[in-house]
Amino acid sequence: MPGQRDGIQVLEDALKVAKYEMLVQQLNKDLARAGLRENYPTTIQSRSLLRSFTAFIYELVSRDMPAFLNLLYAVDVPEKAVNELAASELHEFAVGAASLILNREFMKLKYR
């Protein structure tokens, strides 16, 4: 997606403006709203979070598409952005989807 930052850029931006912990909390909140048990400590390093969250998205997409779609709805990721990822390989799709979700979570914090 043009102008879309990758996941690590989003996390580094959140660290720069002291909103990283809030981003992790928002992610955990939306995971719970989607009925998912995945939860990340607010102390997790940004690269570890990205790696773990991307792996979680990969597993979710490959094993439980309805749960993945429910997560996208809970986070409010635009359908158009997801559709642009649809032609990718599964790993690329998971990386892109994780970045979309993290971008959306950060945007929520910026407008609070």
Protein backbone atom coordinates (compact mmCIF):
# COMPACT_ATOMS: atom_id res chain seq x y z
CA MET A 1 0.00 0.00 0.00
CA PRO A 2 1.57 3.32 -1.01
CA GLY A 3 2.69 5.40 1.95
CA GLN A 4 2.19 2.46 4.31
CA ARG A 5 4.95 2.09 6.89
CA ASP A 6 6.23 -1.36 7.71
CA GLY A 7 5.70 -2.82 11.17
CA ILE A 8 9.10 -1.98 12.61
CA GLN A 9 8.78 1.66 11.49
CA VAL A 10 5.43 1.90 13.29
CA LEU A 11 6.86 0.44 16.48
CA GLU A 12 9.92 2.70 16.35
CA ASP A 13 7.66 5.73 15.81
CA ALA A 14 5.60 4.68 18.84
CA LEU A 15 8.79 4.43 20.89
CA LYS A 16 9.90 7.92 19.78
CA VAL A 17 6.67 9.53 20.96
CA ALA A 18 6.48 7.44 24.16
CA LYS A 19 3.35 5.57 23.04
CA TYR A 20 4.84 2.11 22.59
CA GLU A 21 3.33 0.69 25.79
CA MET A 22 -0.04 2.18 24.86
CA LEU A 23 0.22 0.60 21.39
CA VAL A 24 0.87 -2.83 22.91
CA GLN A 25 -2.04 -2.32 25.32
CA GLN A 26 -4.34 -1.31 22.43
CA LEU A 27 -3.22 -4.35 20.43
CA ASN A 28 -3.94 -6.62 23.41
CA LYS A 29 -7.34 -4.98 23.89
CA ASP A 30 -8.32 -5.54 20.25
CA LEU A 31 -7.02 -9.12 20.29
CA ALA A 32 -9.27 -9.76 23.30
CA ARG A 33 -12.23 -8.00 21.61
CA ALA A 34 -11.75 -10.36 18.67
CA GLY A 35 -11.90 -13.32 21.06
CA LEU A 36 -8.22 -14.22 20.68
CA ARG A 37 -6.04 -15.28 23.59
CA GLU A 38 -2.78 -13.84 22.26
CA ASN A 39 -1.38 -11.23 24.64
CA TYR A 40 1.92 -9.35 24.66
CA PRO A 41 3.70 -7.82 27.66
CA THR A 42 4.20 -4.08 27.39
CA THR A 43 7.89 -4.65 28.09
CA ILE A 44 8.46 -6.78 24.96
CA GLN A 45 11.15 -5.43 22.61
CA SER A 46 9.77 -3.97 19.37
CA ARG A 47 11.51 -6.47 17.07
CA SER A 48 10.37 -9.38 19.23
CA LEU A 49 6.82 -8.08 19.17
CA LEU A 50 6.86 -7.73 15.40
CA ARG A 51 8.33 -11.20 14.90
CA SER A 52 5.90 -12.83 17.33
CA PHE A 53 2.86 -10.93 16.08
CA THR A 54 3.68 -11.70 12.44
CA ALA A 55 4.03 -15.42 13.29
CA PHE A 56 0.68 -15.24 15.11
CA ILE A 57 -0.98 -13.65 12.06
CA TYR A 58 0.58 -16.31 9.80
CA GLU A 59 -0.85 -19.09 11.97
CA LEU A 60 -4.22 -17.37 12.25
CA VAL A 61 -4.57 -16.90 8.49
CA SER A 62 -3.51 -20.46 7.72
CA ARG A 63 -5.66 -22.13 10.40
CA ASP A 64 -8.60 -19.86 11.27
CA MET A 65 -9.54 -17.32 8.59
CA PRO A 66 -12.81 -16.31 10.32
CA ALA A 67 -10.86 -15.38 13.47
CA PHE A 68 -8.39 -13.38 11.36
CA LEU A 69 -11.25 -11.50 9.68
CA ASN A 70 -12.80 -10.85 13.08
CA LEU A 71 -9.49 -9.35 14.25
CA LEU A 72 -9.37 -7.08 11.21
CA TYR A 73 -12.91 -5.94 12.03
CA ALA A 74 -12.04 -5.34 15.71
CA VAL A 75 -8.98 -3.27 14.76
CA ASP A 76 -10.89 -1.51 11.95
CA VAL A 77 -8.39 -2.20 9.16
CA PRO A 78 -9.76 -0.92 5.82
CA GLU A 79 -10.93 -3.75 3.55
CA LYS A 80 -9.27 -2.10 0.55
CA ALA A 81 -5.86 -2.29 2.23
CA VAL A 82 -6.33 -5.99 2.98
CA ASN A 83 -7.48 -6.69 -0.57
CA GLU A 84 -4.24 -5.17 -1.87
CA LEU A 85 -2.36 -7.88 0.07
CA ALA A 86 -4.54 -10.72 -1.22
CA ALA A 87 -2.30 -11.73 -4.15
CA SER A 88 0.77 -12.19 -1.93
CA GLU A 89 2.35 -15.42 -0.74
CA LEU A 90 1.14 -16.41 2.74
CA HIS A 91 4.29 -15.20 4.50
CA GLU A 92 4.23 -11.87 2.64
CA PHE A 93 0.52 -11.56 3.39
CA ALA A 94 1.15 -12.14 7.12
CA VAL A 95 3.93 -9.53 7.18
CA GLY A 96 1.71 -7.04 5.36
CA ALA A 97 -1.33 -7.77 7.52
CA ALA A 98 0.70 -7.40 10.72
CA SER A 99 1.96 -4.03 9.46
CA LEU A 100 -1.58 -2.91 8.56
CA ILE A 101 -2.85 -3.83 12.01
CA LEU A 102 0.04 -2.11 13.81
CA ASN A 103 -0.40 0.99 11.64
CA ARG A 104 -4.10 1.13 12.48
CA GLU A 105 -3.43 0.67 16.20
CA PHE A 106 -0.89 3.51 16.13
CA MET A 107 -3.32 5.75 14.25
CA LYS A 108 -5.91 5.18 16.98
CA LEU A 109 -3.40 6.41 19.57
CA LYS A 110 -2.44 9.46 17.54
CA TYR A 111 -6.06 10.66 17.46
CA ARG A 112 -6.68 10.28 21.19
